Every structure is written in C-alpha cells, then in structure tokens.
C-alpha cells in the first residue's frame, strides 16, 4: 500500500525543499514529487500537453483539474517506494474533492496526512523574490499566486481537519528545525 503525505503551503513557504530533504534522508522508504516539478517536466518536454500546461502556469493560474489529478495519481501509482510525499497539492477545493473521490476507489493508496507549512505573506514574498528562479518570480505574479493559494485555503483546512489528518508546521524557522519536525511526524505516521 502507498502511504501518501500531501505538503501544502504558500509559494515560498519552503514546502518543496522540505519534502526533498526528507525524501533524500529516507531514500530507502520515501519518494517525493512536487506538483510544480511534475508539471514543469511536462512543459519542458515540449509536448502538446506541456504547451497547454504552460498557457496556464506562465500567468500564475491553475492547471485544469483533470490534467493535474491524472499527473499526480499516475506518479503515486508508479512510485518506486511505499511512502510518497507530494507538495503543492491540492491548490483548490475542486482538486481536493477530485483526489478524495479518486482515492475512495483506490484502496492501494492511503492519504495519511496533509502537512501545512505556515509562513506569513511577507516571509513568502521575500523568499520568492530572493530566489527568482524564473519569469514567474516577480511581485505581480507572486501576488496572484498568493491570492490563488489563499482563496480555497480555509475550505481545504476545514475538510482535512474534519478527516483528522491536517497537521500544521511553523515554516518560519531554520530549515533544519522544520525538516526535523516534519520528518519525525511522517515517520511516526508511517
């Protein structure tokens, strides 16, 4: 059975870096996928699907539901390890409900926990503008990405709190403190 941990957080919260470090520390049992990375890989491939995905991501908008959910479920099913960390998902109420619906018909995947890395908007903005990875790292796009992240957040928090699987972590500490807490939590649940 695949044990799934979703890691959510604002753009710049460090969720991808945290999950990468933890999966590297536990390479024998865990694998990490970034939703953004799965989609960027498709864009970089130059495929028809990649061009379609890019038409959304280049403006800071969400990629259509069917494309994202299919990409993620395929990644989980084909994961080489039993503990799967996915960051950056869900980003909307629809994504959350669609994944929930699919997982109800996939007993081989158990959603163990949704880990939220909490940071203030100012910290998130400073981090994103400080890293400037690409054309999508500017103030205007950051503000849109932040708005896209925050709009569904309370519904997502409510949904996973009712399921008893939401776990919040303070993301405004050193990376060592954050990853140590997250890693201990994941290990305790798997």
N, C-alpha and C. Protein backbone atom coordinates (compact mmCIF):
# COMPACT_ATOMS: atom_id res chain seq x y z
N UNK A 1 0.83 -1.20 0.00
CA UNK A 1 0.00 0.00 0.00
C UNK A 1 0.87 1.25 0.00
N UNK A 2 0.48 2.24 -0.82
CA UNK A 2 1.18 3.53 -0.85
C UNK A 2 0.62 4.41 0.25
N UNK A 3 1.51 4.99 1.05
CA UNK A 3 1.10 5.93 2.09
C UNK A 3 1.43 7.33 1.59
N UNK A 4 0.39 8.14 1.44
CA UNK A 4 0.52 9.45 0.82
C UNK A 4 0.50 10.56 1.86
N UNK A 5 1.48 11.46 1.74
CA UNK A 5 1.53 12.67 2.56
C UNK A 5 1.53 13.86 1.60
N UNK A 6 0.55 14.74 1.75
CA UNK A 6 0.49 15.96 0.94
C UNK A 6 1.09 17.10 1.75
N UNK A 7 1.96 17.89 1.14
CA UNK A 7 2.59 19.02 1.83
C UNK A 7 2.12 20.29 1.13
N UNK A 8 1.37 21.13 1.87
CA UNK A 8 0.85 22.36 1.28
C UNK A 8 1.48 23.56 1.98
N UNK A 9 1.45 24.70 1.29
CA UNK A 9 1.98 25.93 1.85
C UNK A 9 2.01 26.99 0.77
N UNK A 10 2.14 28.23 1.19
CA UNK A 10 2.18 29.35 0.26
C UNK A 10 3.38 29.22 -0.67
N UNK A 11 3.32 29.93 -1.82
CA UNK A 11 4.52 29.99 -2.65
C UNK A 11 5.64 30.56 -1.78
N UNK A 12 6.81 29.95 -1.76
CA UNK A 12 7.91 30.44 -0.94
C UNK A 12 7.90 29.93 0.49
N UNK A 13 6.98 29.02 0.83
CA UNK A 13 6.92 28.51 2.20
C UNK A 13 8.04 27.52 2.48
N UNK A 14 8.66 27.00 1.41
CA UNK A 14 9.74 26.03 1.58
C UNK A 14 9.28 24.59 1.47
N UNK A 15 8.00 24.39 1.12
CA UNK A 15 7.43 23.03 1.12
C UNK A 15 8.18 22.06 0.21
N UNK A 16 8.59 22.53 -0.97
CA UNK A 16 9.30 21.64 -1.90
C UNK A 16 10.66 21.26 -1.34
N UNK A 17 11.41 22.25 -0.86
CA UNK A 17 12.74 21.99 -0.28
C UNK A 17 12.63 21.05 0.91
N UNK A 18 11.66 21.29 1.80
CA UNK A 18 11.47 20.44 2.98
C UNK A 18 11.24 18.99 2.56
N UNK A 19 10.32 18.79 1.63
CA UNK A 19 9.96 17.44 1.19
C UNK A 19 11.15 16.76 0.49
N UNK A 20 11.92 17.54 -0.29
CA UNK A 20 13.10 16.98 -0.98
C UNK A 20 14.12 16.47 0.04
N UNK A 21 14.40 17.28 1.06
CA UNK A 21 15.38 16.91 2.08
C UNK A 21 14.94 15.64 2.81
N UNK A 22 13.67 15.60 3.21
CA UNK A 22 13.15 14.46 3.96
C UNK A 22 13.21 13.18 3.11
N UNK A 23 12.83 13.28 1.84
CA UNK A 23 12.85 12.07 1.00
C UNK A 23 14.29 11.62 0.74
N UNK A 24 15.24 12.56 0.64
CA UNK A 24 16.65 12.18 0.46
C UNK A 24 17.17 11.49 1.72
N UNK A 25 16.77 11.99 2.90
CA UNK A 25 17.20 11.39 4.17
C UNK A 25 16.63 9.99 4.36
N UNK A 26 15.54 9.70 3.65
CA UNK A 26 14.85 8.42 3.80
C UNK A 26 14.67 7.74 2.45
N UNK A 27 15.71 7.81 1.63
CA UNK A 27 15.62 7.34 0.24
C UNK A 27 15.22 5.86 0.13
N UNK A 28 15.48 5.09 1.18
CA UNK A 28 15.14 3.67 1.13
C UNK A 28 13.64 3.43 1.24
N UNK A 29 12.90 4.42 1.79
CA UNK A 29 11.46 4.19 2.01
C UNK A 29 10.54 5.26 1.45
N UNK A 30 11.10 6.43 1.08
CA UNK A 30 10.24 7.55 0.66
C UNK A 30 10.65 8.09 -0.70
N UNK A 31 9.65 8.61 -1.42
CA UNK A 31 9.89 9.31 -2.67
C UNK A 31 9.09 10.61 -2.62
N UNK A 32 9.63 11.66 -3.27
CA UNK A 32 8.97 12.97 -3.26
C UNK A 32 8.70 13.42 -4.68
N UNK A 33 7.49 13.95 -4.87
CA UNK A 33 7.14 14.59 -6.13
C UNK A 33 6.59 15.97 -5.82
N UNK A 34 7.06 16.95 -6.57
CA UNK A 34 6.49 18.29 -6.49
C UNK A 34 5.49 18.40 -7.63
N UNK A 35 4.29 18.84 -7.29
CA UNK A 35 3.27 19.03 -8.34
C UNK A 35 3.84 19.95 -9.40
N UNK A 36 4.46 21.04 -8.95
CA UNK A 36 5.05 22.01 -9.88
C UNK A 36 6.10 21.36 -10.77
N UNK A 37 6.95 20.51 -10.18
CA UNK A 37 8.01 19.84 -10.93
C UNK A 37 7.43 18.86 -11.95
N UNK A 38 6.41 18.09 -11.53
CA UNK A 38 5.76 17.16 -12.46
C UNK A 38 5.21 17.93 -13.67
N UNK A 39 4.60 19.09 -13.40
CA UNK A 39 4.03 19.89 -14.49
C UNK A 39 5.13 20.57 -15.31
N UNK A 40 6.20 21.10 -14.63
CA UNK A 40 7.30 21.75 -15.34
C UNK A 40 8.02 20.76 -16.26
N UNK A 41 8.17 19.51 -15.81
CA UNK A 41 8.81 18.48 -16.63
C UNK A 41 8.02 18.28 -17.92
N UNK A 42 6.71 18.28 -17.78
CA UNK A 42 5.83 18.12 -18.96
C UNK A 42 5.99 19.32 -19.89
N UNK A 43 6.04 20.55 -19.32
CA UNK A 43 6.21 21.76 -20.13
C UNK A 43 7.55 21.69 -20.88
N UNK A 44 8.61 21.32 -20.15
CA UNK A 44 9.96 21.25 -20.73
C UNK A 44 10.06 20.22 -21.84
N UNK A 45 9.21 19.20 -21.79
CA UNK A 45 9.25 18.15 -22.81
C UNK A 45 8.78 18.69 -24.17
N UNK A 46 8.09 19.84 -24.14
CA UNK A 46 7.61 20.43 -25.38
C UNK A 46 6.40 19.72 -25.97
N UNK A 47 5.82 18.79 -25.19
CA UNK A 47 4.66 18.05 -25.69
C UNK A 47 3.45 18.97 -25.83
N UNK A 48 2.44 18.47 -26.49
CA UNK A 48 1.19 19.21 -26.65
C UNK A 48 0.61 19.52 -25.27
N UNK A 49 0.65 18.51 -24.39
CA UNK A 49 0.17 18.71 -23.02
C UNK A 49 0.99 19.78 -22.31
N UNK A 50 2.32 19.76 -22.52
CA UNK A 50 3.21 20.75 -21.92
C UNK A 50 2.89 22.17 -22.34
N UNK A 51 2.59 22.35 -23.63
CA UNK A 51 2.21 23.67 -24.15
C UNK A 51 0.92 24.14 -23.49
N UNK A 52 -0.02 23.23 -23.35
CA UNK A 52 -1.30 23.54 -22.70
C UNK A 52 -1.07 23.95 -21.23
N UNK A 53 -0.28 23.16 -20.51
CA UNK A 53 0.02 23.46 -19.10
C UNK A 53 0.67 24.84 -18.99
N UNK A 54 1.64 25.12 -19.88
CA UNK A 54 2.35 26.40 -19.85
C UNK A 54 1.43 27.60 -20.06
N UNK A 55 0.37 27.41 -20.84
CA UNK A 55 -0.55 28.52 -21.09
C UNK A 55 -1.23 28.97 -19.80
N UNK A 56 -1.30 28.08 -18.81
CA UNK A 56 -1.88 28.43 -17.51
C UNK A 56 -0.80 28.90 -16.53
N UNK A 57 0.27 28.10 -16.38
CA UNK A 57 1.27 28.39 -15.35
C UNK A 57 2.03 29.68 -15.61
N UNK A 58 2.24 30.04 -16.88
CA UNK A 58 3.01 31.25 -17.19
C UNK A 58 2.30 32.51 -16.68
N UNK A 59 0.99 32.41 -16.44
CA UNK A 59 0.24 33.56 -15.91
C UNK A 59 -0.03 33.42 -14.41
N UNK A 60 0.47 32.33 -13.81
CA UNK A 60 0.25 32.11 -12.37
C UNK A 60 -1.10 31.49 -12.08
N UNK A 61 -1.77 30.98 -13.12
CA UNK A 61 -3.09 30.38 -12.94
C UNK A 61 -3.00 28.86 -12.75
N UNK A 62 -4.08 28.28 -12.25
CA UNK A 62 -4.11 26.84 -12.00
C UNK A 62 -4.28 26.06 -13.30
N UNK A 63 -3.60 24.93 -13.35
CA UNK A 63 -3.73 23.99 -14.47
C UNK A 63 -5.07 23.25 -14.28
N UNK A 64 -5.80 22.97 -15.37
CA UNK A 64 -7.10 22.30 -15.24
C UNK A 64 -7.02 20.99 -14.43
N UNK A 65 -8.09 20.77 -13.71
CA UNK A 65 -8.24 19.68 -12.76
C UNK A 65 -7.83 18.31 -13.30
N UNK A 66 -8.40 17.93 -14.45
CA UNK A 66 -8.17 16.58 -14.97
C UNK A 66 -6.69 16.33 -15.21
N UNK A 67 -5.99 17.35 -15.73
CA UNK A 67 -4.57 17.22 -16.06
C UNK A 67 -3.75 17.01 -14.79
N UNK A 68 -4.01 17.83 -13.78
CA UNK A 68 -3.23 17.75 -12.53
C UNK A 68 -3.50 16.44 -11.80
N UNK A 69 -4.76 16.07 -11.65
CA UNK A 69 -5.11 14.87 -10.89
C UNK A 69 -4.54 13.62 -11.58
N UNK A 70 -4.66 13.55 -12.89
CA UNK A 70 -4.12 12.40 -13.63
C UNK A 70 -2.60 12.33 -13.43
N UNK A 71 -1.93 13.45 -13.54
CA UNK A 71 -0.47 13.51 -13.38
C UNK A 71 -0.07 12.99 -12.00
N UNK A 72 -0.80 13.42 -10.96
CA UNK A 72 -0.47 13.05 -9.58
C UNK A 72 -0.78 11.57 -9.29
N UNK A 73 -1.95 11.12 -9.66
CA UNK A 73 -2.33 9.73 -9.39
C UNK A 73 -1.39 8.77 -10.13
N UNK A 74 -1.02 9.12 -11.37
CA UNK A 74 -0.06 8.29 -12.11
C UNK A 74 1.28 8.23 -11.38
N UNK A 75 1.73 9.38 -10.86
CA UNK A 75 3.01 9.43 -10.13
C UNK A 75 2.95 8.55 -8.88
N UNK A 76 1.86 8.62 -8.13
CA UNK A 76 1.72 7.82 -6.90
C UNK A 76 1.72 6.33 -7.25
N UNK A 77 0.90 5.94 -8.23
CA UNK A 77 0.76 4.53 -8.59
C UNK A 77 2.09 3.94 -9.07
N UNK A 78 2.90 4.77 -9.74
CA UNK A 78 4.17 4.30 -10.29
C UNK A 78 5.36 4.57 -9.38
N UNK A 79 5.10 5.10 -8.19
CA UNK A 79 6.19 5.44 -7.27
C UNK A 79 6.98 4.18 -6.89
N UNK A 80 8.32 4.31 -6.87
CA UNK A 80 9.16 3.16 -6.54
C UNK A 80 9.20 2.83 -5.04
N UNK A 81 8.68 3.70 -4.20
CA UNK A 81 8.66 3.50 -2.74
C UNK A 81 7.23 3.53 -2.23
N UNK A 82 7.04 3.05 -0.98
CA UNK A 82 5.69 2.99 -0.42
C UNK A 82 5.23 4.27 0.25
N UNK A 83 6.18 5.14 0.66
CA UNK A 83 5.79 6.42 1.27
C UNK A 83 6.03 7.50 0.23
N UNK A 84 4.95 8.20 -0.12
CA UNK A 84 5.01 9.20 -1.18
C UNK A 84 4.68 10.57 -0.61
N UNK A 85 5.60 11.51 -0.81
CA UNK A 85 5.38 12.91 -0.40
C UNK A 85 5.10 13.70 -1.67
N UNK A 86 3.99 14.42 -1.67
CA UNK A 86 3.68 15.29 -2.81
C UNK A 86 3.45 16.69 -2.27
N UNK A 87 4.21 17.65 -2.80
CA UNK A 87 3.98 19.02 -2.34
C UNK A 87 3.24 19.83 -3.40
N UNK A 88 2.55 20.86 -2.92
CA UNK A 88 1.85 21.76 -3.82
C UNK A 88 0.50 21.23 -4.29
N UNK A 89 -0.09 20.33 -3.51
CA UNK A 89 -1.40 19.79 -3.88
C UNK A 89 -2.16 19.45 -2.61
N UNK A 90 -3.44 19.77 -2.51
CA UNK A 90 -4.29 20.41 -3.51
C UNK A 90 -4.18 21.94 -3.45
N UNK A 91 -4.45 22.56 -4.58
CA UNK A 91 -4.41 24.03 -4.64
C UNK A 91 -5.80 24.63 -4.82
N UNK A 92 -6.81 23.78 -4.86
CA UNK A 92 -8.19 24.28 -4.97
C UNK A 92 -9.12 23.26 -4.33
N UNK A 93 -10.31 23.74 -4.01
CA UNK A 93 -11.34 22.89 -3.45
C UNK A 93 -11.64 21.74 -4.42
N UNK A 94 -11.71 22.07 -5.72
CA UNK A 94 -12.02 21.07 -6.74
C UNK A 94 -10.94 19.99 -6.80
N UNK A 95 -9.65 20.42 -6.73
CA UNK A 95 -8.55 19.46 -6.74
C UNK A 95 -8.65 18.53 -5.53
N UNK A 96 -8.96 19.10 -4.38
CA UNK A 96 -9.07 18.33 -3.15
C UNK A 96 -10.19 17.29 -3.27
N UNK A 97 -11.36 17.73 -3.71
CA UNK A 97 -12.51 16.83 -3.80
C UNK A 97 -12.30 15.75 -4.87
N UNK A 98 -11.67 16.13 -5.98
CA UNK A 98 -11.41 15.16 -7.05
C UNK A 98 -10.44 14.08 -6.56
N UNK A 99 -9.38 14.48 -5.87
CA UNK A 99 -8.43 13.50 -5.35
C UNK A 99 -9.12 12.60 -4.33
N UNK A 100 -9.93 13.20 -3.47
CA UNK A 100 -10.66 12.43 -2.45
C UNK A 100 -11.54 11.37 -3.12
N UNK A 101 -12.24 11.79 -4.18
CA UNK A 101 -13.13 10.88 -4.91
C UNK A 101 -12.34 9.72 -5.53
N UNK A 102 -11.20 10.04 -6.16
CA UNK A 102 -10.37 9.01 -6.79
C UNK A 102 -9.81 8.05 -5.74
N UNK A 103 -9.35 8.60 -4.60
CA UNK A 103 -8.75 7.75 -3.56
C UNK A 103 -9.77 6.80 -2.94
N UNK A 104 -11.04 7.17 -2.93
CA UNK A 104 -12.07 6.27 -2.41
C UNK A 104 -12.14 4.98 -3.22
N UNK A 105 -11.75 5.06 -4.50
CA UNK A 105 -11.77 3.88 -5.37
C UNK A 105 -10.39 3.25 -5.54
N UNK A 106 -9.43 3.71 -4.74
CA UNK A 106 -8.07 3.17 -4.84
C UNK A 106 -7.59 2.75 -3.45
N UNK A 107 -8.02 1.59 -2.98
CA UNK A 107 -7.64 1.15 -1.63
C UNK A 107 -6.13 0.96 -1.48
N UNK A 108 -5.42 0.89 -2.61
CA UNK A 108 -3.97 0.71 -2.54
C UNK A 108 -3.22 2.01 -2.20
N UNK A 109 -3.97 3.14 -2.11
CA UNK A 109 -3.37 4.41 -1.72
C UNK A 109 -4.10 4.92 -0.47
N UNK A 110 -3.33 5.20 0.59
CA UNK A 110 -3.92 5.76 1.81
C UNK A 110 -3.38 7.17 2.01
N UNK A 111 -4.28 8.17 2.03
CA UNK A 111 -3.86 9.54 2.35
C UNK A 111 -3.72 9.61 3.87
N UNK A 112 -2.48 9.63 4.34
CA UNK A 112 -2.20 9.58 5.77
C UNK A 112 -2.34 10.95 6.41
N UNK A 113 -1.79 11.98 5.75
CA UNK A 113 -1.81 13.31 6.36
C UNK A 113 -1.61 14.40 5.32
N UNK A 114 -2.14 15.58 5.65
CA UNK A 114 -1.88 16.79 4.88
C UNK A 114 -1.10 17.71 5.83
N UNK A 115 0.13 18.03 5.45
CA UNK A 115 1.00 18.84 6.29
C UNK A 115 1.03 20.25 5.71
N UNK A 116 0.63 21.24 6.52
CA UNK A 116 0.65 22.63 6.07
C UNK A 116 1.85 23.34 6.66
N UNK A 117 2.72 23.87 5.79
CA UNK A 117 3.87 24.66 6.21
C UNK A 117 3.41 26.12 6.25
N UNK A 118 3.29 26.66 7.47
CA UNK A 118 2.74 28.01 7.63
C UNK A 118 3.83 29.08 7.63
N UNK A 119 3.66 30.10 6.77
CA UNK A 119 4.52 31.28 6.77
C UNK A 119 3.65 32.51 6.48
N UNK A 120 4.12 33.67 6.93
CA UNK A 120 3.39 34.91 6.65
C UNK A 120 3.57 35.27 5.18
N UNK A 121 2.68 36.13 4.69
CA UNK A 121 2.77 36.56 3.29
C UNK A 121 4.08 37.30 3.03
N UNK A 122 4.53 38.09 4.01
CA UNK A 122 5.78 38.86 3.84
C UNK A 122 6.97 37.92 3.70
N UNK A 123 7.07 36.92 4.58
CA UNK A 123 8.17 35.95 4.51
C UNK A 123 8.13 35.22 3.16
N UNK A 124 6.94 34.79 2.76
CA UNK A 124 6.78 34.07 1.49
C UNK A 124 7.25 34.94 0.33
N UNK A 125 6.83 36.21 0.30
CA UNK A 125 7.19 37.13 -0.80
C UNK A 125 8.71 37.36 -0.82
N UNK A 126 9.29 37.62 0.34
CA UNK A 126 10.75 37.83 0.41
C UNK A 126 11.51 36.63 -0.14
N UNK A 127 11.05 35.44 0.23
CA UNK A 127 11.72 34.21 -0.24
C UNK A 127 11.60 34.05 -1.75
N UNK A 128 10.38 34.24 -2.28
CA UNK A 128 10.15 34.04 -3.71
C UNK A 128 10.97 35.05 -4.51
N UNK A 129 10.94 36.32 -4.11
CA UNK A 129 11.67 37.34 -4.87
C UNK A 129 13.17 37.18 -4.69
N UNK A 130 13.58 36.60 -3.55
CA UNK A 130 15.00 36.36 -3.29
C UNK A 130 15.57 35.23 -4.13
N UNK A 131 14.72 34.25 -4.48
CA UNK A 131 15.23 33.10 -5.25
C UNK A 131 15.16 33.34 -6.75
N UNK A 132 14.14 34.13 -7.18
CA UNK A 132 13.94 34.48 -8.60
C UNK A 132 14.38 33.38 -9.55
N UNK A 133 13.66 32.26 -9.52
CA UNK A 133 14.00 31.10 -10.35
C UNK A 133 13.67 31.31 -11.82
N UNK A 134 12.66 32.12 -12.08
CA UNK A 134 12.26 32.25 -13.48
C UNK A 134 11.36 33.44 -13.68
N UNK A 135 10.75 33.49 -14.86
CA UNK A 135 9.90 34.63 -15.23
C UNK A 135 8.70 34.77 -14.31
N UNK A 136 8.33 33.66 -13.61
CA UNK A 136 7.13 33.73 -12.77
C UNK A 136 7.45 34.23 -11.35
N UNK A 137 8.71 34.62 -11.09
CA UNK A 137 9.06 35.12 -9.76
C UNK A 137 9.19 36.64 -9.76
N UNK A 138 8.06 37.33 -9.85
CA UNK A 138 8.04 38.78 -9.68
C UNK A 138 6.85 39.14 -8.81
N UNK A 139 6.80 40.39 -8.32
CA UNK A 139 5.80 40.78 -7.33
C UNK A 139 4.37 40.55 -7.83
N UNK A 140 4.10 40.96 -9.06
CA UNK A 140 2.74 40.84 -9.60
C UNK A 140 2.29 39.38 -9.66
N UNK A 141 3.15 38.53 -10.20
CA UNK A 141 2.80 37.11 -10.30
C UNK A 141 2.73 36.49 -8.90
N UNK A 142 3.66 36.91 -8.00
CA UNK A 142 3.61 36.39 -6.63
C UNK A 142 2.26 36.71 -5.99
N UNK A 143 1.82 37.97 -6.13
CA UNK A 143 0.54 38.37 -5.50
C UNK A 143 -0.62 37.53 -6.06
N UNK A 144 -0.60 37.26 -7.36
CA UNK A 144 -1.64 36.42 -7.95
C UNK A 144 -1.54 34.99 -7.41
N UNK A 145 -0.32 34.45 -7.33
CA UNK A 145 -0.14 33.09 -6.82
C UNK A 145 -0.59 33.01 -5.36
N UNK A 146 -0.31 34.05 -4.58
CA UNK A 146 -0.69 34.07 -3.17
C UNK A 146 -2.22 34.09 -3.05
N UNK A 147 -2.86 34.92 -3.89
CA UNK A 147 -4.32 35.01 -3.88
C UNK A 147 -4.93 33.66 -4.27
N UNK A 148 -4.36 33.02 -5.31
CA UNK A 148 -4.83 31.70 -5.76
C UNK A 148 -4.66 30.67 -4.64
N UNK A 149 -3.56 30.80 -3.86
CA UNK A 149 -3.31 29.87 -2.75
C UNK A 149 -4.29 30.11 -1.59
N UNK A 150 -4.50 31.38 -1.24
CA UNK A 150 -5.29 31.70 -0.05
C UNK A 150 -6.79 31.51 -0.22
N UNK A 151 -7.32 31.77 -1.42
CA UNK A 151 -8.78 31.70 -1.62
C UNK A 151 -9.41 30.39 -1.14
N UNK A 152 -8.88 29.22 -1.52
CA UNK A 152 -9.51 27.97 -1.08
C UNK A 152 -8.97 27.43 0.24
N UNK A 153 -7.98 28.12 0.84
CA UNK A 153 -7.25 27.54 1.97
C UNK A 153 -8.15 27.16 3.14
N UNK A 154 -9.08 28.03 3.53
CA UNK A 154 -9.89 27.71 4.72
C UNK A 154 -10.78 26.49 4.46
N UNK A 155 -11.28 26.34 3.24
CA UNK A 155 -12.11 25.16 2.91
C UNK A 155 -11.24 23.90 2.94
N UNK A 156 -10.02 23.98 2.44
CA UNK A 156 -9.10 22.85 2.44
C UNK A 156 -8.75 22.47 3.88
N UNK A 157 -8.44 23.49 4.70
CA UNK A 157 -8.11 23.23 6.11
C UNK A 157 -9.29 22.56 6.83
N UNK A 158 -10.49 23.07 6.59
CA UNK A 158 -11.70 22.52 7.22
C UNK A 158 -11.90 21.05 6.83
N UNK A 159 -11.80 20.78 5.54
CA UNK A 159 -12.03 19.43 5.01
C UNK A 159 -11.08 18.42 5.65
N UNK A 160 -9.79 18.74 5.66
CA UNK A 160 -8.81 17.79 6.20
C UNK A 160 -8.80 17.76 7.73
N UNK A 161 -9.23 18.85 8.37
CA UNK A 161 -9.37 18.85 9.83
C UNK A 161 -10.50 17.91 10.22
N UNK A 162 -11.61 17.96 9.47
CA UNK A 162 -12.74 17.06 9.75
C UNK A 162 -12.35 15.60 9.56
N UNK A 163 -11.43 15.34 8.64
CA UNK A 163 -10.94 13.96 8.44
C UNK A 163 -9.89 13.59 9.49
N UNK A 164 -9.46 14.59 10.28
CA UNK A 164 -8.48 14.35 11.33
C UNK A 164 -7.07 14.13 10.81
N UNK A 165 -6.74 14.69 9.63
CA UNK A 165 -5.41 14.44 9.06
C UNK A 165 -4.62 15.72 8.73
N UNK A 166 -5.11 16.90 9.14
CA UNK A 166 -4.35 18.13 8.89
C UNK A 166 -3.34 18.32 10.01
N UNK A 167 -2.09 18.59 9.64
CA UNK A 167 -1.02 18.82 10.62
C UNK A 167 -0.27 20.08 10.19
N UNK A 168 -0.22 21.09 11.08
CA UNK A 168 0.44 22.35 10.74
C UNK A 168 1.84 22.42 11.33
N UNK A 169 2.75 22.98 10.55
CA UNK A 169 4.14 23.15 10.97
C UNK A 169 4.55 24.60 10.72
N UNK A 170 5.23 25.20 11.70
CA UNK A 170 5.71 26.57 11.57
C UNK A 170 6.88 26.60 10.58
N UNK A 171 6.68 27.28 9.46
CA UNK A 171 7.69 27.34 8.40
C UNK A 171 8.61 28.54 8.50
N UNK A 172 8.54 29.27 9.60
CA UNK A 172 9.39 30.46 9.76
C UNK A 172 10.54 30.21 10.72
N UNK A 173 11.12 29.01 10.65
CA UNK A 173 12.28 28.65 11.47
C UNK A 173 13.40 28.21 10.53
N UNK A 174 14.47 27.69 11.09
CA UNK A 174 15.55 27.21 10.22
C UNK A 174 15.06 25.97 9.49
N UNK A 175 15.66 25.75 8.34
CA UNK A 175 15.26 24.59 7.53
C UNK A 175 15.51 23.30 8.30
N UNK A 176 16.55 23.28 9.13
CA UNK A 176 16.85 22.08 9.93
C UNK A 176 15.74 21.79 10.92
N UNK A 177 15.25 22.84 11.58
CA UNK A 177 14.16 22.66 12.57
C UNK A 177 12.88 22.19 11.89
N UNK A 178 12.56 22.80 10.76
CA UNK A 178 11.33 22.47 10.04
C UNK A 178 11.37 21.02 9.54
N UNK A 179 12.48 20.66 8.87
CA UNK A 179 12.55 19.31 8.30
C UNK A 179 12.63 18.25 9.39
N UNK A 180 13.30 18.55 10.50
CA UNK A 180 13.38 17.58 11.61
C UNK A 180 11.98 17.29 12.14
N UNK A 181 11.19 18.35 12.37
CA UNK A 181 9.83 18.16 12.89
C UNK A 181 8.97 17.40 11.88
N UNK A 182 9.05 17.79 10.61
CA UNK A 182 8.23 17.15 9.59
C UNK A 182 8.63 15.68 9.41
N UNK A 183 9.93 15.41 9.39
CA UNK A 183 10.41 14.04 9.21
C UNK A 183 9.96 13.15 10.37
N UNK A 184 10.09 13.64 11.59
CA UNK A 184 9.65 12.87 12.77
C UNK A 184 8.16 12.58 12.70
N UNK A 185 7.40 13.57 12.27
CA UNK A 185 5.95 13.41 12.15
C UNK A 185 5.61 12.33 11.10
N UNK A 186 6.23 12.43 9.92
CA UNK A 186 5.95 11.46 8.85
C UNK A 186 6.32 10.05 9.31
N UNK A 187 7.49 9.92 9.92
CA UNK A 187 7.92 8.60 10.39
C UNK A 187 6.95 8.03 11.43
N UNK A 188 6.43 8.91 12.30
CA UNK A 188 5.51 8.44 13.34
C UNK A 188 4.18 7.95 12.76
N UNK A 189 3.87 8.39 11.54
CA UNK A 189 2.60 8.04 10.90
C UNK A 189 2.73 6.93 9.87
N UNK A 190 3.96 6.48 9.59
CA UNK A 190 4.09 5.51 8.51
C UNK A 190 4.67 4.21 8.90
